[in-house]
Protein backbone atom coordinates (compact mmCIF):
# COMPACT_ATOMS: atom_id res chain seq x y z
CA MET A 1 -0.10 0.00 -0.40
CA ALA A 2 1.42 3.61 -1.04
CA TYR A 3 0.64 6.77 0.86
CA ASP A 4 1.57 10.55 0.62
CA VAL A 5 2.33 10.81 4.44
CA VAL A 6 3.16 8.42 6.77
CA VAL A 7 3.27 9.44 10.36
CA ILE A 8 5.53 7.39 12.84
CA GLY A 9 3.89 7.60 16.50
CA SER A 10 0.57 8.69 17.66
CA GLY A 11 1.06 11.55 20.06
CA PRO A 12 0.11 15.33 19.68
CA GLY A 13 2.50 15.89 17.44
CA GLY A 14 2.38 12.77 15.08
CA TYR A 15 -1.72 12.84 15.49
CA VAL A 16 -2.27 16.55 14.46
CA CYS A 17 0.56 16.21 12.16
CA ALA A 18 -1.70 13.55 10.39
CA ILE A 19 -4.63 15.14 10.78
CA LYS A 20 -3.86 18.26 9.03
CA CYS A 21 -1.92 15.90 6.53
CA ALA A 22 -5.57 14.59 5.25
CA GLN A 23 -7.32 18.03 5.33
CA LEU A 24 -4.67 19.13 2.89
CA GLY A 25 -6.08 16.13 0.37
CA LEU A 26 -3.34 13.92 1.18
CA LYS A 27 -3.28 10.05 1.41
CA THR A 28 -2.20 10.02 5.08
CA ALA A 29 -1.72 6.65 7.26
CA ILE A 30 -0.27 6.60 11.32
CA VAL A 31 1.41 4.37 13.35
CA GLU A 32 1.34 3.63 16.52
CA LYS A 33 2.54 0.42 18.56
CA ARG A 34 -0.02 1.22 21.99
CA ALA A 35 -3.50 -0.37 21.73
CA THR A 36 -4.68 3.88 21.77
CA LEU A 37 -4.09 6.96 19.81
CA GLY A 38 -2.28 9.75 21.49
CA GLY A 39 1.24 9.06 22.58
CA THR A 40 2.74 9.29 26.07
CA CYS A 41 0.65 12.91 26.88
CA LEU A 42 -2.78 11.43 26.26
CA ASN A 43 -1.75 8.04 27.89
CA ILE A 44 0.51 8.43 31.03
CA GLY A 45 1.54 12.31 30.93
CA CYS A 46 -0.45 15.50 30.40
CA ILE A 47 -4.23 14.31 30.43
CA PRO A 48 -4.40 11.68 33.33
CA SER A 49 -1.83 14.33 35.37
CA LYS A 50 -4.74 17.09 34.77
CA ALA A 51 -7.21 14.43 35.88
CA MET A 52 -5.84 13.92 39.28
CA LEU A 53 -4.13 17.50 39.90
CA HIS A 54 -7.83 18.49 39.13
CA ALA A 55 -9.09 16.15 41.58
CA SER A 56 -6.48 16.16 44.10
CA GLU A 57 -7.42 20.27 44.10
CA MET A 58 -10.94 20.01 44.94
CA PHE A 59 -9.83 17.14 47.86
CA HIS A 60 -7.74 19.75 49.10
CA GLU A 61 -10.35 22.57 48.57
CA ALA A 62 -12.87 20.84 50.65
CA GLU A 63 -10.28 19.85 53.46
CA GLY A 64 -9.97 23.71 54.32
CA SER A 65 -10.57 26.33 51.92
CA LEU A 66 -14.72 25.79 51.48
CA GLU A 67 -14.66 26.62 55.69
CA LYS A 68 -13.31 29.58 55.05
CA LEU A 69 -16.36 30.52 52.06
CA GLY A 70 -18.50 29.40 54.97
CA VAL A 71 -19.00 26.10 52.94
CA LYS A 72 -19.60 23.41 55.71
CA VAL A 73 -18.97 20.11 54.37
CA GLY A 74 -16.68 18.18 57.33
CA LYS A 75 -13.72 16.48 56.70
CA PRO A 76 -13.61 15.13 53.65
CA LYS A 77 -12.93 11.44 52.88
CA LEU A 78 -10.87 10.26 50.37
CA ASP A 79 -11.62 7.89 47.80
CA LEU A 80 -8.40 7.23 45.56
CA LYS A 81 -9.89 4.08 43.92
CA ALA A 82 -13.05 6.19 42.57
CA MET A 83 -10.07 9.58 41.97
CA LEU A 84 -7.65 6.83 39.96
CA ALA A 85 -11.08 5.69 37.68
CA HIS A 86 -12.23 9.54 36.73
CA LYS A 87 -8.39 9.74 35.54
CA ASP A 88 -8.91 6.56 33.51
CA ALA A 89 -11.99 7.69 32.34
CA THR A 90 -10.90 11.03 31.49
CA VAL A 91 -7.41 9.34 29.58
CA LYS A 92 -10.35 7.10 27.55
CA SER A 93 -12.34 10.07 26.41
CA ASN A 94 -9.56 11.71 25.33
CA VAL A 95 -7.75 8.84 22.93
CA ASP A 96 -11.29 7.95 21.96
CA GLY A 97 -12.00 11.22 20.87
CA VAL A 98 -8.43 10.99 18.84
CA ALA A 99 -9.35 7.36 17.45
CA PHE A 100 -12.88 9.58 16.27
CA LEU A 101 -10.28 11.89 14.49
CA MET A 102 -8.78 9.55 12.41
CA LYS A 103 -11.67 7.85 11.12
CA LYS A 104 -13.65 11.54 10.44
CA ASN A 105 -10.81 12.87 8.53
CA LYS A 106 -9.83 9.13 6.85
CA VAL A 107 -6.69 8.60 7.96
CA ASP A 108 -5.74 5.21 7.89
CA TRP A 109 -4.65 3.81 11.47
CA LEU A 110 -1.48 1.17 11.49
CA THR A 111 -1.06 -0.73 14.57
CA GLY A 112 2.29 -2.26 15.38
CA THR A 113 5.69 -0.95 15.82
CA GLY A 114 7.30 1.41 13.32
CA LYS A 115 10.45 1.33 11.63
CA VAL A 116 12.12 3.44 9.14
CA LEU A 117 13.77 1.57 6.23
CA GLY A 118 14.99 4.24 3.94
CA GLU A 119 13.44 7.00 1.52
CA GLY A 120 9.92 6.33 1.03
CA LYS A 121 9.80 3.14 2.76
CA VAL A 122 8.48 2.39 6.33
CA SER A 123 7.91 -1.18 8.05
CA VAL A 124 4.92 -1.78 10.53
CA THR A 125 5.36 -5.11 12.69
CA GLY A 126 1.92 -6.02 14.50
CA GLU A 127 1.97 -7.85 17.88
CA ASP A 128 1.69 -10.86 15.97
CA GLY A 129 5.41 -10.70 14.61
CA LYS A 130 4.09 -9.74 11.42
CA GLU A 131 5.76 -7.98 9.38
CA GLN A 132 4.28 -5.16 6.68
CA GLU A 133 6.03 -2.89 4.17
CA ILE A 134 4.44 0.39 2.92
CA GLU A 135 5.00 2.61 0.11
CA ALA A 136 5.40 6.75 1.63
CA ASN A 137 6.18 10.13 -0.34
CA ASN A 138 6.79 11.23 3.30
CA ILE A 139 7.39 9.98 6.52
CA VAL A 140 7.45 12.23 9.87
CA ILE A 141 8.82 10.88 12.57
CA ALA A 142 7.21 11.62 15.71
CA THR A 143 7.91 9.31 18.23
CA GLY A 144 8.17 11.55 21.29
CA SER A 145 10.60 10.84 24.55
CA ASP A 146 10.89 9.00 26.85
CA VAL A 147 12.02 8.92 30.47
CA ALA A 148 15.33 9.80 30.94
CA GLY A 149 16.96 8.36 34.47
CA ILE A 150 19.36 9.64 36.50
CA PRO A 151 22.56 10.08 34.35
CA GLY A 152 25.47 8.23 36.10
CA VAL A 153 22.61 6.51 38.57
CA ASP A 154 21.70 2.61 37.96
CA VAL A 155 17.55 2.89 38.89
CA ASP A 156 15.77 0.22 38.69
CA PHE A 157 12.25 1.26 37.81
CA ASP A 158 9.71 -1.55 39.38
CA GLU A 159 6.62 1.39 39.01
CA LYS A 160 5.19 0.92 42.49
CA VAL A 161 8.32 1.73 44.91
CA ILE A 162 11.11 3.25 42.48
CA VAL A 163 8.55 4.86 39.65
CA SER A 164 8.67 7.58 36.76
CA SER A 165 5.93 9.75 35.97
CA THR A 166 3.40 7.08 34.65
CA GLY A 167 3.50 4.28 38.41
CA ALA A 168 3.08 8.22 40.03
CA LEU A 169 -0.09 8.08 38.33
CA ASP A 170 -0.89 4.96 39.59
CA LEU A 171 0.26 4.22 43.07
CA ALA A 172 -2.19 1.90 44.91
CA LYS A 173 -2.20 4.01 48.19
CA VAL A 174 -1.03 7.35 49.30
CA PRO A 175 2.36 7.25 50.19
CA GLY A 176 3.60 8.02 53.23
CA HIS A 177 6.76 9.83 52.31
CA LEU A 178 7.44 10.22 48.80
CA VAL A 179 10.99 11.59 47.59
CA VAL A 180 10.84 13.44 44.78
CA VAL A 181 14.15 13.27 42.48
CA GLY A 182 14.43 16.82 40.13
CA GLY A 183 12.67 19.40 41.12
CA GLY A 184 11.27 20.12 37.27
CA VAL A 185 8.06 20.44 35.98
CA ILE A 186 7.00 16.85 36.01
CA GLY A 187 7.91 16.16 39.65
CA LEU A 188 6.73 19.65 41.24
CA GLU A 189 3.11 18.74 39.72
CA LEU A 190 2.86 14.86 40.79
CA GLY A 191 4.82 15.74 44.28
CA SER A 192 1.94 18.63 44.84
CA VAL A 193 -0.66 15.81 43.87
CA TRP A 194 0.83 13.59 46.49
CA LYS A 195 1.08 16.71 49.10
CA ARG A 196 -2.44 17.30 49.33
CA LEU A 197 -3.52 13.88 49.05
CA GLY A 198 -1.69 13.64 52.17
CA ALA A 199 1.93 12.32 51.25
CA GLU A 200 4.75 14.03 53.07
CA VAL A 201 7.14 15.38 49.71
CA THR A 202 10.72 15.81 49.93
CA VAL A 203 12.32 17.06 46.34
CA VAL A 204 15.83 16.48 46.06
CA GLU A 205 17.34 18.97 42.89
CA PHE A 206 20.58 18.98 41.38
CA LEU A 207 20.48 22.55 40.87
CA ASP A 208 19.85 25.47 43.09
CA LYS A 209 16.28 26.50 42.26
CA VAL A 210 13.48 24.84 40.99
CA LEU A 211 12.29 25.12 37.69
CA GLY A 212 15.64 25.72 36.35
CA PRO A 213 14.93 27.59 32.72
CA MET A 214 12.26 29.58 34.71
CA ASP A 215 12.64 33.25 35.66
CA GLY A 216 14.06 33.69 38.55
CA ASP A 217 11.75 35.98 40.50
CA VAL A 218 8.92 32.80 39.48
CA SER A 219 11.65 29.98 40.50
CA LYS A 220 11.50 31.75 44.38
CA GLN A 221 8.08 32.92 45.02
CA PHE A 222 6.85 29.55 43.58
CA GLN A 223 9.13 27.30 46.04
CA ARG A 224 8.14 29.35 48.96
CA LEU A 225 4.57 28.83 48.03
CA LEU A 226 5.30 24.58 47.77
CA GLU A 227 7.09 25.16 51.11
CA LYS A 228 4.24 27.24 52.51
CA GLN A 229 1.99 23.83 51.51
CA GLY A 230 4.10 21.92 53.16
CA ILE A 231 6.83 20.38 50.55
CA LYS A 232 10.58 20.23 51.47
CA PHE A 233 13.12 20.57 49.22
CA ASN A 234 16.85 19.43 49.17
CA LEU A 235 18.72 21.78 46.40
CA GLY A 236 22.02 21.75 45.12
CA ALA A 237 21.94 18.06 45.77
CA LYS A 238 23.40 15.64 43.83
CA VAL A 239 21.87 12.10 43.44
CA THR A 240 24.22 9.12 43.78
CA GLY A 241 21.92 5.91 44.27
CA VAL A 242 18.46 5.00 44.01
CA LYS A 243 17.82 1.25 45.59
CA LYS A 244 15.16 -0.57 47.48
CA SER A 245 15.27 -1.04 51.18
CA GLY A 246 13.06 -3.04 52.98
CA LYS A 247 9.26 -2.05 52.17
CA GLY A 248 10.79 1.11 51.03
CA ALA A 249 13.70 3.12 49.16
CA GLU A 250 16.89 4.92 49.76
CA VAL A 251 17.68 8.20 48.52
CA THR A 252 21.36 9.20 48.48
CA PHE A 253 22.88 12.60 47.72
CA GLU A 254 25.38 14.93 48.36
CA PRO A 255 25.99 18.61 47.79
CA VAL A 256 27.17 19.91 44.93
CA LYS A 257 29.23 22.16 46.31
CA GLY A 258 30.84 19.47 48.60
CA GLY A 259 30.06 18.59 51.49
CA ASP A 260 28.90 14.74 53.49
CA ALA A 261 26.44 12.34 51.59
CA GLN A 262 22.88 11.82 53.09
CA THR A 263 20.53 9.20 53.12
CA ILE A 264 17.06 9.75 53.60
CA SER A 265 14.33 7.25 53.56
CA ALA A 266 11.07 6.76 51.11
CA ASP A 267 7.84 4.53 50.83
CA VAL A 268 8.07 5.24 46.80
CA VAL A 269 10.69 7.19 45.19
CA LEU A 270 9.49 9.44 42.32
CA VAL A 271 12.18 10.20 39.69
CA SER A 272 11.64 12.82 37.31
CA THR A 273 15.07 14.44 36.23
CA GLY A 274 14.02 14.60 32.48
CA ARG A 275 12.65 13.06 29.04
CA ARG A 276 15.42 12.06 26.63
CA PRO A 277 14.40 11.32 22.84
CA TYR A 278 12.59 7.88 21.59
CA THR A 279 14.17 6.76 18.75
CA ASP A 280 15.18 2.97 19.75
CA GLY A 281 14.13 0.30 16.68
CA LEU A 282 13.66 2.84 14.71
CA GLY A 283 15.93 2.16 12.34
CA LEU A 284 17.18 5.26 11.87
CA GLU A 285 21.09 4.99 11.17
CA ASN A 286 20.29 1.77 8.49
CA ALA A 287 18.43 4.45 7.16
CA GLY A 288 20.95 7.43 6.65
CA VAL A 289 18.89 9.49 9.24
CA VAL A 290 21.43 11.41 10.76
CA LEU A 291 21.03 12.00 14.77
CA ASP A 292 22.88 15.07 16.72
CA ASP A 293 25.34 14.84 19.65
CA ARG A 294 22.07 14.62 22.00
CA GLY A 295 20.25 11.61 20.55
CA ARG A 296 18.00 13.88 18.94
CA VAL A 297 17.28 13.72 14.74
CA ASP A 298 18.84 16.08 13.55
CA ILE A 299 16.62 18.56 10.78
CA ASN A 300 17.25 21.52 9.15
CA GLU A 301 14.42 24.86 9.12
CA HIS A 302 12.11 22.99 7.54
CA TRP A 303 12.31 19.69 10.20
CA GLN A 304 13.30 17.88 6.85
CA THR A 305 16.20 14.97 8.12
CA SER A 306 19.58 14.16 6.16
CA VAL A 307 17.41 11.94 4.35
CA THR A 308 14.98 13.05 1.50
CA GLY A 309 10.98 12.64 2.21
CA ILE A 310 11.72 12.69 5.73
CA TYR A 311 10.69 14.63 8.32
CA ALA A 312 10.85 14.77 12.37
CA ILE A 313 9.14 17.07 14.84
CA GLY A 314 8.33 17.26 18.63
CA ASP A 315 10.45 15.68 21.77
CA VAL A 316 12.70 13.37 19.03
CA VAL A 317 14.18 17.35 17.52
CA ALA A 318 15.41 19.90 19.77
CA GLY A 319 13.63 22.64 21.56
CA PRO A 320 11.11 22.17 24.82
CA MET A 321 9.36 19.28 24.92
CA LEU A 322 6.12 20.18 25.03
CA ALA A 323 2.81 19.05 23.25
CA HIS A 324 1.54 22.27 21.97
CA LYS A 325 5.12 22.87 19.99
CA ALA A 326 5.11 18.95 18.82
CA GLU A 327 1.21 20.15 17.57
CA ASP A 328 2.44 23.50 15.91
CA GLU A 329 5.60 21.59 13.89
CA GLY A 330 2.88 18.96 13.25
CA MET A 331 0.72 21.60 11.09
CA ALA A 332 3.61 23.32 9.54
CA VAL A 333 5.25 19.94 8.39
CA ALA A 334 2.15 18.77 6.79
CA GLU A 335 2.12 22.36 5.54
CA ILE A 336 5.30 22.14 3.59
CA ILE A 337 4.69 18.71 2.72
CA ALA A 338 1.86 19.86 0.66
CA GLY A 339 3.34 22.65 -0.78
CA GLN A 340 2.93 25.36 1.31
CA HIS A 341 4.64 27.79 3.65
CA GLY A 342 4.22 26.24 7.65
CA HIS A 343 5.97 27.83 10.37
CA VAL A 344 6.65 27.99 13.57
CA ASN A 345 7.23 31.02 15.89
CA PHE A 346 9.94 29.14 18.53
CA ASP A 347 10.11 32.66 20.36
CA VAL A 348 6.01 32.30 21.40
CA ILE A 349 6.04 29.20 22.73
CA PRO A 350 4.01 29.32 26.35
CA SER A 351 4.92 27.23 29.19
CA VAL A 352 2.75 26.14 31.92
CA VAL A 353 2.84 24.20 35.09
CA TYR A 354 -0.47 22.92 36.48
CA THR A 355 0.27 22.86 40.25
CA ASP A 356 -1.99 25.53 42.40
CA PRO A 357 -0.75 28.10 42.05
CA GLU A 358 -0.03 27.63 38.49
CA VAL A 359 2.81 28.69 36.47
CA ALA A 360 3.29 30.41 33.50
CA SER A 361 5.55 31.98 30.75
CA VAL A 362 5.84 32.80 27.32
CA GLY A 363 8.72 34.66 25.80
CA LYS A 364 12.20 35.66 26.90
CA THR A 365 13.28 35.44 30.94
CA GLU A 366 15.14 38.12 33.07
CA GLU A 367 18.19 36.00 33.30
CA GLU A 368 18.10 35.69 29.61
CA LEU A 369 17.54 39.28 28.85
CA LYS A 370 20.91 40.27 31.16
CA ALA A 371 22.73 37.34 29.27
CA ALA A 372 22.15 38.88 26.06
CA GLY A 373 22.86 43.15 27.24
CA VAL A 374 19.19 43.55 25.91
CA ASP A 375 18.00 47.10 27.95
CA TYR A 376 14.85 46.33 29.49
CA THR A 377 11.59 47.30 31.60
CA VAL A 378 9.95 45.44 33.99
CA GLY A 379 5.96 45.53 34.97
CA LYS A 380 4.87 43.82 38.23
CA PHE A 381 2.03 43.22 39.87
CA PRO A 382 0.70 41.19 42.06
CA PHE A 383 -2.14 39.23 42.46
CA SER A 384 -3.00 40.33 46.74
CA ALA A 385 -3.91 43.73 45.21
CA ASN A 386 -6.46 42.14 42.54
CA GLY A 387 -9.99 42.26 43.99
CA ARG A 388 -10.99 38.93 41.91
CA ALA A 389 -8.05 36.99 43.50
CA ARG A 390 -9.09 38.29 46.35
CA ALA A 391 -12.42 36.96 46.08
CA MET A 392 -11.64 34.01 45.49
CA LEU A 393 -8.49 33.13 48.50
CA ALA A 394 -6.31 33.16 45.31
CA PRO A 395 -4.24 35.97 46.59
CA ASP A 396 -0.71 34.39 45.84
CA GLY A 397 1.66 35.49 42.78
CA PHE A 398 2.21 37.83 40.65
CA ILE A 399 2.36 39.15 36.96
CA LYS A 400 5.81 39.72 35.38
CA ILE A 401 6.09 41.66 31.73
CA LEU A 402 9.51 42.35 30.36
CA ALA A 403 9.57 44.77 27.14
CA ASP A 404 12.30 46.78 25.17
CA LYS A 405 13.38 49.60 26.70
CA LYS A 406 13.67 51.54 23.52
CA THR A 407 10.76 50.24 21.51
CA ASP A 408 8.49 48.90 23.97
CA ARG A 409 7.79 45.63 22.78
CA VAL A 410 6.98 42.96 24.96
CA LEU A 411 9.62 39.71 24.78
CA GLY A 412 8.84 37.93 27.72
CA VAL A 413 6.02 37.63 30.55
CA HIS A 414 6.09 35.69 33.45
CA MET A 415 3.17 34.95 36.02
CA LEU A 416 2.70 32.69 39.30
CA GLY A 417 -0.78 32.48 40.38
CA ARG A 418 -4.32 31.01 40.52
CA GLY A 419 -5.28 29.79 36.64
CA VAL A 420 -2.63 31.82 34.94
CA GLY A 421 -2.41 28.59 32.72
CA GLU A 422 -5.58 29.59 30.73
CA MET A 423 -4.45 33.57 31.05
CA ILE A 424 -0.69 33.41 29.17
CA HIS A 425 -2.31 33.61 25.97
CA GLU A 426 -3.15 36.64 26.05
CA ALA A 427 0.53 37.74 26.22
CA ALA A 428 1.07 35.28 23.29
CA VAL A 429 -1.01 36.82 21.38
CA LEU A 430 0.26 40.51 21.99
CA MET A 431 4.13 38.66 21.14
CA GLU A 432 2.98 37.20 18.31
CA PHE A 433 2.26 40.42 16.57
CA GLY A 434 4.47 41.89 17.54
CA GLY A 435 2.91 43.90 20.75
CA SER A 436 3.77 46.77 23.28
CA SER A 437 3.43 46.84 26.98
CA GLU A 438 1.06 49.81 25.65
CA ASP A 439 -0.83 47.91 23.09
CA LEU A 440 -1.53 45.75 26.33
CA ALA A 441 -2.43 48.66 28.94
CA ARG A 442 -4.35 50.57 27.15
CA THR A 443 -6.59 47.05 26.36
CA CYS A 444 -9.97 47.17 27.89
CA HIS A 445 -10.20 44.09 30.65
CA ALA A 446 -13.21 42.96 32.16
CA HIS A 447 -13.50 44.01 36.11
CA PRO A 448 -13.53 41.87 38.32
CA THR A 449 -11.12 39.56 36.70
CA MET A 450 -7.77 38.17 37.69
CA SER A 451 -6.81 39.09 34.20
CA GLU A 452 -6.19 42.84 34.84
CA ALA A 453 -3.21 42.09 36.78
CA VAL A 454 -1.78 41.31 33.44
CA ARG A 455 -3.12 45.32 32.45
CA GLU A 456 -1.80 46.26 35.64
CA ALA A 457 1.69 44.99 34.77
CA ALA A 458 1.34 46.58 31.44
CA LEU A 459 0.56 49.72 32.64
CA ALA A 460 3.75 49.54 35.37
CA SER A 461 5.97 48.16 32.39
CA ALA A 462 4.98 51.02 29.86
CA PHE A 463 4.43 54.05 32.75
CA GLY A 464 6.17 53.36 35.32
CA LYS A 465 3.35 52.58 37.70
CA PRO A 466 0.23 50.65 37.83
CA ILE A 467 -3.25 52.23 39.04
CA HIS A 468 -4.75 49.69 41.68
CA MET A 469 -1.27 49.66 43.68
C-alpha cells in the first residue's frame, strides 16, 4: 500500500500532523505501537496528570478552603480508587476522541511498531510479529520521548516503589513519604498531587533552584509557596543512589558544592529528571537519518532530516519538550509537505506548570535578557492587589512583563497564580503580533477578573506605575 504521508507516532505532534495532512488532501496513515492513540501525553502524561491535579485540588479545597467561604462539609474522605477511575475515564475519553478524529479525517491507523527502512519505505510490525512494508512519499518521525533516568545512576524502575511519572499516576495508596528526584515540572506537579492527598513530600534537585529555565523571580516565590504547602526541598544536591530498602527505598545524595552525603528513606521514590528523545528500534542509522550529539533527530529549518522525504517533529528533535510545540510543528510540516509555507515562532511557545498556584511563561526570562545585554523594563503586579483574586482566596503570585526599553515591544511574560495557565495566551497573542506593553495597557479588561493583573503589569511596564497599587 502507498501513501502520500506516513506518520510514525500518534502523540500530539503525530496525530495533529496526520489530521492536517489529511485536511490538505494527502493520503495519510499513522503508525502507533500502543493499542490506543495519543502517545505518552494522552495515555500516561499530560492528560491523566491534569485529571489527578484537578481532583487533588478539589479534595484539598474541601479539606480547608471551603469553610472560609461559609461552606461547611465536614472532613472529606479520600476515595483514591474513585479518583484513579476518574483519571482513567478522562484518558479513555481523550484517546477515543483521537481515534474518532482519525476516522473522520480518513487517516488509516496502522497498529504496530514502525521502522524507517529508507527513503519512501516504512515497515510496521504487529504484536503477532508479522511485518508489512508500506510505501510513502513522505515520512514523519513523531515518536516523542521516554524517561531519562538519572545520569550515572542505575535506577531499577518497578513502577511501585521506584517510579517514573507513569507509576506515580497509578499508586495503589497514598505513600507516607514520597521523595521526588528532580525539581522540574513533572516532579513538582506530581509531588503536589500526593502532598494534597496526605503524603509527606521531599524534593531533591541538582540545581540551586526549582524549575531550572524559568524566570528567577517566579522560581523563588513558587518554591516559597510550595514550602508553605509543606513540601520540603534539598537543592544543589546530586543524587548518587536510588535503591530499594525493605518495603520502601533509599535516596542518597551529596551537596554539589561539596560536603557529606545524606541518605533519606521513602515509601515511594519518583524519579523525574527529564526525558530523552525516543528513537529506539526506528532503524534510523541504517536508513541514513543523522542524530545530533544529544540523540535527537537532526533537522533543518523545515524539519527535514538528512534523508529526502523524511521529517521529524516534537520531542524527538531540538526544542522544548512540550505537546503544543509538537502540535505546531506537526501542522507546519503538513503544510510544507503539501507545498505550502509552514512556520513555527519558537519565541512564542508558552509553558505552564499545572500546580496550585500555576506557573505560566512565554518568551525571554530576565536572566536571558541580562545575558544578551538587552535593555529592558519590568512591570510587575501582585494578585494580592487584585479584587477577584481576593474574593477567590487566591492572593498568591504576580504578573511580570518584560519589554524592550527602547521600543516597548514585549519580550517575555511570566505569571504565578491561580489559573494563570489560561491567562498566558493574551501575552502570546500580543507577542505574536509584535505588540508593546502600552498596547496591552490600553486594552480594556473586564472587571473584576484576575486578568486585570496582566493589564496592571503592562501599565507598570509602559508608564512606570500601575493604577491599583
